[in-house]
Amino acid sequence: MSEPLNRQGFIKQSVLASGAALGLAGRNETAAVPDSPTDQAAQTAPTAGMPTGKIGNLTVSRLISGGNLISGWAHSRDLIYLHQLMKQYNTEKKVLETLALLEENGVN
């Protein structure tokens, strides 16, 4: 990290990262599957602009993802069916896909 990040800089970088994530959400789902591990590695390279911080010797992304929606423990107030609905939607495959998408965008 070369310089401290102020509030305005954080908001700018967050908006840019959100825009990148939205751009990936609209990508073509019928894209070809990579043939070799090198193709796959090139496809999953993290975004260079992800803000990071240091904890000891560890470099971590400043953007984190909560687990409530993935685990099904979101606040649902009077919607008693929501927990079961989230469990059905977030299958193991869907959770791994979500985590892979986060990793592709530099969230570690």
N, C-alpha and C. Protein backbone atom coordinates (compact mmCIF):
# COMPACT_ATOMS: atom_id res chain seq x y z
N MET A 1 0.84 -1.16 0.00
CA MET A 1 0.00 0.00 0.00
C MET A 1 0.88 1.23 0.00
N SER A 2 0.79 2.05 -1.02
CA SER A 2 1.72 3.16 -1.17
C SER A 2 1.28 4.40 -0.41
N GLU A 3 -0.01 4.65 -0.27
CA GLU A 3 -0.47 5.85 0.42
C GLU A 3 -1.75 5.53 1.19
N PRO A 4 -2.02 6.28 2.26
CA PRO A 4 -3.23 6.01 3.03
C PRO A 4 -4.47 6.35 2.19
N LEU A 5 -5.52 5.62 2.42
CA LEU A 5 -6.76 5.80 1.66
C LEU A 5 -7.73 6.63 2.49
N ASN A 6 -8.16 7.77 1.95
CA ASN A 6 -9.12 8.60 2.66
C ASN A 6 -10.54 8.19 2.27
N ARG A 7 -11.53 8.81 2.89
CA ARG A 7 -12.93 8.45 2.66
C ARG A 7 -13.32 8.64 1.20
N GLN A 8 -12.95 9.73 0.60
CA GLN A 8 -13.32 10.00 -0.80
C GLN A 8 -12.66 8.98 -1.73
N GLY A 9 -11.40 8.65 -1.48
CA GLY A 9 -10.70 7.66 -2.30
C GLY A 9 -11.32 6.28 -2.14
N PHE A 10 -11.72 5.95 -0.90
CA PHE A 10 -12.36 4.66 -0.67
C PHE A 10 -13.67 4.55 -1.44
N ILE A 11 -14.47 5.61 -1.40
CA ILE A 11 -15.76 5.59 -2.11
C ILE A 11 -15.53 5.45 -3.61
N LYS A 12 -14.56 6.18 -4.17
CA LYS A 12 -14.27 6.08 -5.59
C LYS A 12 -13.87 4.65 -5.96
N GLN A 13 -12.97 4.06 -5.18
CA GLN A 13 -12.52 2.70 -5.48
C GLN A 13 -13.64 1.68 -5.28
N SER A 14 -14.49 1.91 -4.29
CA SER A 14 -15.61 0.99 -4.06
C SER A 14 -16.60 1.03 -5.22
N VAL A 15 -16.87 2.23 -5.72
CA VAL A 15 -17.79 2.36 -6.85
C VAL A 15 -17.20 1.68 -8.09
N LEU A 16 -15.90 1.85 -8.30
CA LEU A 16 -15.26 1.20 -9.44
C LEU A 16 -15.31 -0.32 -9.31
N ALA A 17 -15.07 -0.83 -8.10
CA ALA A 17 -15.12 -2.27 -7.89
C ALA A 17 -16.54 -2.79 -8.07
N SER A 18 -17.53 -2.03 -7.61
CA SER A 18 -18.93 -2.43 -7.78
C SER A 18 -19.30 -2.45 -9.26
N GLY A 19 -18.83 -1.45 -9.99
CA GLY A 19 -19.09 -1.41 -11.43
C GLY A 19 -18.49 -2.60 -12.13
N ALA A 20 -17.29 -3.00 -11.71
CA ALA A 20 -16.65 -4.17 -12.31
C ALA A 20 -17.45 -5.43 -12.00
N ALA A 21 -17.96 -5.54 -10.77
CA ALA A 21 -18.76 -6.71 -10.40
C ALA A 21 -20.06 -6.74 -11.19
N LEU A 22 -20.67 -5.58 -11.40
CA LEU A 22 -21.91 -5.53 -12.18
C LEU A 22 -21.64 -5.89 -13.63
N GLY A 23 -20.50 -5.49 -14.14
CA GLY A 23 -20.13 -5.84 -15.51
C GLY A 23 -19.96 -7.34 -15.66
N LEU A 24 -19.42 -8.00 -14.63
CA LEU A 24 -19.26 -9.45 -14.68
C LEU A 24 -20.60 -10.16 -14.57
N ALA A 25 -21.56 -9.55 -13.88
CA ALA A 25 -22.86 -10.18 -13.73
C ALA A 25 -23.58 -10.29 -15.07
N GLY A 26 -23.29 -9.39 -16.00
CA GLY A 26 -23.93 -9.41 -17.29
C GLY A 26 -23.18 -10.18 -18.35
N ARG A 27 -22.12 -10.87 -17.96
CA ARG A 27 -21.31 -11.58 -18.96
C ARG A 27 -22.06 -12.76 -19.54
N ASN A 28 -21.62 -13.21 -20.69
CA ASN A 28 -22.27 -14.30 -21.40
C ASN A 28 -21.99 -15.62 -20.68
N GLU A 29 -23.03 -16.32 -20.25
CA GLU A 29 -22.87 -17.56 -19.50
C GLU A 29 -22.50 -18.73 -20.40
N THR A 30 -22.57 -18.56 -21.72
CA THR A 30 -22.23 -19.65 -22.63
C THR A 30 -20.80 -19.54 -23.13
N ALA A 31 -19.98 -18.79 -22.41
CA ALA A 31 -18.57 -18.64 -22.81
C ALA A 31 -17.87 -19.98 -22.76
N ALA A 32 -16.84 -20.11 -23.58
CA ALA A 32 -16.11 -21.37 -23.66
C ALA A 32 -15.38 -21.65 -22.36
N VAL A 33 -15.29 -22.92 -22.02
CA VAL A 33 -14.57 -23.37 -20.83
C VAL A 33 -13.09 -23.39 -21.17
N PRO A 34 -12.22 -22.89 -20.28
CA PRO A 34 -10.79 -22.90 -20.60
C PRO A 34 -10.27 -24.32 -20.79
N ASP A 35 -9.38 -24.51 -21.78
CA ASP A 35 -8.87 -25.83 -22.11
C ASP A 35 -7.71 -26.26 -21.22
N SER A 36 -6.87 -25.32 -20.82
CA SER A 36 -5.69 -25.69 -20.06
C SER A 36 -5.64 -24.91 -18.75
N PRO A 37 -4.84 -25.38 -17.78
CA PRO A 37 -4.71 -24.65 -16.52
C PRO A 37 -4.18 -23.24 -16.71
N THR A 38 -3.35 -23.01 -17.74
CA THR A 38 -2.83 -21.66 -17.95
C THR A 38 -3.93 -20.73 -18.43
N ASP A 39 -4.87 -21.25 -19.25
CA ASP A 39 -6.02 -20.45 -19.67
C ASP A 39 -6.87 -20.10 -18.47
N GLN A 40 -7.06 -21.06 -17.59
CA GLN A 40 -7.89 -20.84 -16.41
C GLN A 40 -7.22 -19.84 -15.48
N ALA A 41 -5.90 -19.92 -15.31
CA ALA A 41 -5.19 -18.99 -14.44
C ALA A 41 -5.29 -17.57 -14.98
N ALA A 42 -5.21 -17.41 -16.28
CA ALA A 42 -5.32 -16.08 -16.89
C ALA A 42 -6.72 -15.53 -16.70
N GLN A 43 -7.71 -16.41 -16.69
CA GLN A 43 -9.09 -15.98 -16.56
C GLN A 43 -9.42 -15.58 -15.12
N THR A 44 -8.72 -16.13 -14.14
CA THR A 44 -9.03 -15.86 -12.75
C THR A 44 -8.05 -14.91 -12.09
N ALA A 45 -7.30 -14.13 -12.86
CA ALA A 45 -6.36 -13.17 -12.28
C ALA A 45 -7.14 -12.09 -11.53
N PRO A 46 -6.71 -11.73 -10.30
CA PRO A 46 -7.44 -10.74 -9.52
C PRO A 46 -7.35 -9.36 -10.15
N THR A 47 -8.34 -8.54 -9.85
CA THR A 47 -8.38 -7.18 -10.34
C THR A 47 -7.25 -6.39 -9.70
N ALA A 48 -6.49 -5.67 -10.51
CA ALA A 48 -5.33 -4.94 -10.01
C ALA A 48 -5.71 -3.77 -9.12
N GLY A 49 -6.91 -3.22 -9.29
CA GLY A 49 -7.30 -2.03 -8.55
C GLY A 49 -7.94 -2.29 -7.21
N MET A 50 -7.99 -3.52 -6.72
CA MET A 50 -8.64 -3.81 -5.44
C MET A 50 -7.81 -3.23 -4.30
N PRO A 51 -8.41 -2.37 -3.47
CA PRO A 51 -7.67 -1.82 -2.34
C PRO A 51 -7.32 -2.92 -1.34
N THR A 52 -6.11 -2.86 -0.79
CA THR A 52 -5.67 -3.86 0.17
C THR A 52 -5.12 -3.19 1.41
N GLY A 53 -5.01 -3.96 2.46
CA GLY A 53 -4.40 -3.51 3.70
C GLY A 53 -3.48 -4.60 4.20
N LYS A 54 -2.70 -4.28 5.21
CA LYS A 54 -1.76 -5.26 5.75
C LYS A 54 -2.12 -5.55 7.20
N ILE A 55 -2.10 -6.82 7.55
CA ILE A 55 -2.23 -7.27 8.93
C ILE A 55 -0.99 -8.12 9.17
N GLY A 56 -0.03 -7.58 9.87
CA GLY A 56 1.25 -8.26 10.03
C GLY A 56 1.91 -8.41 8.68
N ASN A 57 2.25 -9.64 8.29
CA ASN A 57 2.85 -9.91 6.99
C ASN A 57 1.82 -10.28 5.93
N LEU A 58 0.56 -10.28 6.30
CA LEU A 58 -0.52 -10.71 5.41
C LEU A 58 -1.14 -9.52 4.70
N THR A 59 -1.29 -9.61 3.39
CA THR A 59 -1.98 -8.58 2.61
C THR A 59 -3.39 -9.07 2.31
N VAL A 60 -4.38 -8.29 2.72
CA VAL A 60 -5.77 -8.69 2.55
C VAL A 60 -6.54 -7.60 1.82
N SER A 61 -7.59 -8.00 1.12
CA SER A 61 -8.42 -7.02 0.43
C SER A 61 -9.25 -6.25 1.46
N ARG A 62 -9.52 -5.00 1.16
CA ARG A 62 -10.33 -4.19 2.07
C ARG A 62 -11.80 -4.47 1.90
N LEU A 63 -12.17 -5.05 0.79
CA LEU A 63 -13.55 -5.44 0.56
C LEU A 63 -13.73 -6.85 1.09
N ILE A 64 -14.76 -7.05 1.90
CA ILE A 64 -15.03 -8.38 2.44
C ILE A 64 -16.45 -8.79 2.07
N SER A 65 -16.71 -10.05 2.16
CA SER A 65 -18.05 -10.55 1.87
C SER A 65 -18.58 -11.23 3.12
N GLY A 66 -19.76 -10.86 3.52
CA GLY A 66 -20.39 -11.50 4.67
C GLY A 66 -20.93 -12.86 4.29
N GLY A 67 -21.16 -13.69 5.28
CA GLY A 67 -21.63 -15.04 5.03
C GLY A 67 -23.10 -15.26 5.31
N ASN A 68 -23.82 -14.24 5.79
CA ASN A 68 -25.22 -14.45 6.16
C ASN A 68 -26.08 -14.91 4.99
N LEU A 69 -25.91 -14.29 3.84
CA LEU A 69 -26.75 -14.68 2.70
C LEU A 69 -26.39 -16.07 2.19
N ILE A 70 -25.12 -16.41 2.25
CA ILE A 70 -24.68 -17.72 1.79
C ILE A 70 -25.14 -18.81 2.75
N SER A 71 -25.04 -18.54 4.04
CA SER A 71 -25.40 -19.56 5.04
C SER A 71 -26.89 -19.63 5.30
N GLY A 72 -27.63 -18.60 4.90
CA GLY A 72 -29.08 -18.62 5.10
C GLY A 72 -29.52 -17.98 6.40
N TRP A 73 -28.62 -17.32 7.11
CA TRP A 73 -28.98 -16.72 8.39
C TRP A 73 -29.16 -15.21 8.27
N ALA A 74 -29.86 -14.75 7.27
CA ALA A 74 -30.12 -13.33 7.09
C ALA A 74 -31.33 -12.92 7.93
N HIS A 75 -31.37 -11.66 8.32
CA HIS A 75 -32.51 -11.15 9.08
C HIS A 75 -33.73 -11.15 8.17
N SER A 76 -34.78 -11.82 8.57
CA SER A 76 -35.94 -11.94 7.69
C SER A 76 -37.22 -11.41 8.31
N ARG A 77 -37.15 -10.92 9.52
CA ARG A 77 -38.29 -10.35 10.24
C ARG A 77 -39.47 -11.31 10.21
N ASP A 78 -40.56 -11.00 9.51
CA ASP A 78 -41.77 -11.83 9.51
C ASP A 78 -41.80 -12.83 8.36
N LEU A 79 -40.77 -12.85 7.53
CA LEU A 79 -40.75 -13.76 6.39
C LEU A 79 -40.21 -15.11 6.84
N ILE A 80 -41.07 -15.94 7.40
CA ILE A 80 -40.62 -17.20 8.01
C ILE A 80 -40.11 -18.21 6.98
N TYR A 81 -40.45 -18.00 5.72
CA TYR A 81 -40.02 -18.92 4.66
C TYR A 81 -38.64 -18.57 4.11
N LEU A 82 -38.11 -17.41 4.43
CA LEU A 82 -36.89 -16.92 3.79
C LEU A 82 -35.68 -17.81 4.06
N HIS A 83 -35.53 -18.29 5.28
CA HIS A 83 -34.39 -19.15 5.62
C HIS A 83 -34.36 -20.37 4.70
N GLN A 84 -35.49 -21.03 4.54
CA GLN A 84 -35.55 -22.23 3.70
C GLN A 84 -35.33 -21.88 2.22
N LEU A 85 -35.88 -20.77 1.79
CA LEU A 85 -35.70 -20.32 0.41
C LEU A 85 -34.22 -20.09 0.10
N MET A 86 -33.52 -19.43 1.01
CA MET A 86 -32.10 -19.15 0.81
C MET A 86 -31.29 -20.44 0.81
N LYS A 87 -31.65 -21.38 1.66
CA LYS A 87 -30.93 -22.66 1.70
C LYS A 87 -31.12 -23.41 0.38
N GLN A 88 -32.30 -23.34 -0.21
CA GLN A 88 -32.55 -24.02 -1.48
C GLN A 88 -31.83 -23.33 -2.64
N TYR A 89 -31.77 -22.01 -2.62
CA TYR A 89 -31.12 -21.27 -3.70
C TYR A 89 -29.59 -21.43 -3.64
N ASN A 90 -29.04 -21.29 -2.44
CA ASN A 90 -27.59 -21.33 -2.29
C ASN A 90 -27.11 -22.76 -2.09
N THR A 91 -27.14 -23.50 -3.18
CA THR A 91 -26.62 -24.86 -3.16
C THR A 91 -25.10 -24.80 -3.04
N GLU A 92 -24.47 -25.95 -2.82
CA GLU A 92 -23.02 -25.98 -2.71
C GLU A 92 -22.37 -25.43 -3.98
N LYS A 93 -22.94 -25.77 -5.13
CA LYS A 93 -22.40 -25.29 -6.41
C LYS A 93 -22.51 -23.76 -6.49
N LYS A 94 -23.64 -23.21 -6.08
CA LYS A 94 -23.86 -21.76 -6.14
C LYS A 94 -22.93 -21.03 -5.18
N VAL A 95 -22.72 -21.57 -3.99
CA VAL A 95 -21.83 -20.95 -3.02
C VAL A 95 -20.40 -20.94 -3.56
N LEU A 96 -19.94 -22.05 -4.12
CA LEU A 96 -18.60 -22.11 -4.69
C LEU A 96 -18.46 -21.15 -5.87
N GLU A 97 -19.50 -21.02 -6.67
CA GLU A 97 -19.49 -20.08 -7.79
C GLU A 97 -19.37 -18.64 -7.28
N THR A 98 -20.10 -18.32 -6.22
CA THR A 98 -20.04 -16.98 -5.63
C THR A 98 -18.66 -16.69 -5.06
N LEU A 99 -18.09 -17.65 -4.34
CA LEU A 99 -16.76 -17.47 -3.77
C LEU A 99 -15.70 -17.33 -4.88
N ALA A 100 -15.86 -18.08 -5.96
CA ALA A 100 -14.92 -17.97 -7.09
C ALA A 100 -15.02 -16.59 -7.73
N LEU A 101 -16.22 -16.07 -7.85
CA LEU A 101 -16.42 -14.73 -8.43
C LEU A 101 -15.77 -13.67 -7.55
N LEU A 102 -15.91 -13.81 -6.24
CA LEU A 102 -15.25 -12.88 -5.32
C LEU A 102 -13.74 -12.94 -5.49
N GLU A 103 -13.20 -14.16 -5.56
CA GLU A 103 -11.76 -14.34 -5.70
C GLU A 103 -11.26 -13.77 -7.02
N GLU A 104 -12.02 -13.96 -8.10
CA GLU A 104 -11.64 -13.43 -9.40
C GLU A 104 -11.51 -11.91 -9.37
N ASN A 105 -12.28 -11.28 -8.51
CA ASN A 105 -12.27 -9.82 -8.44
C ASN A 105 -11.36 -9.27 -7.35
N GLY A 106 -10.52 -10.15 -6.79
CA GLY A 106 -9.50 -9.67 -5.86
C GLY A 106 -9.86 -9.73 -4.39
N VAL A 107 -11.04 -10.24 -4.04
CA VAL A 107 -11.41 -10.36 -2.63
C VAL A 107 -10.77 -11.61 -2.08
N ASN A 108 -9.95 -11.46 -1.06
CA ASN A 108 -9.29 -12.61 -0.48
C ASN A 108 -9.57 -12.68 0.99
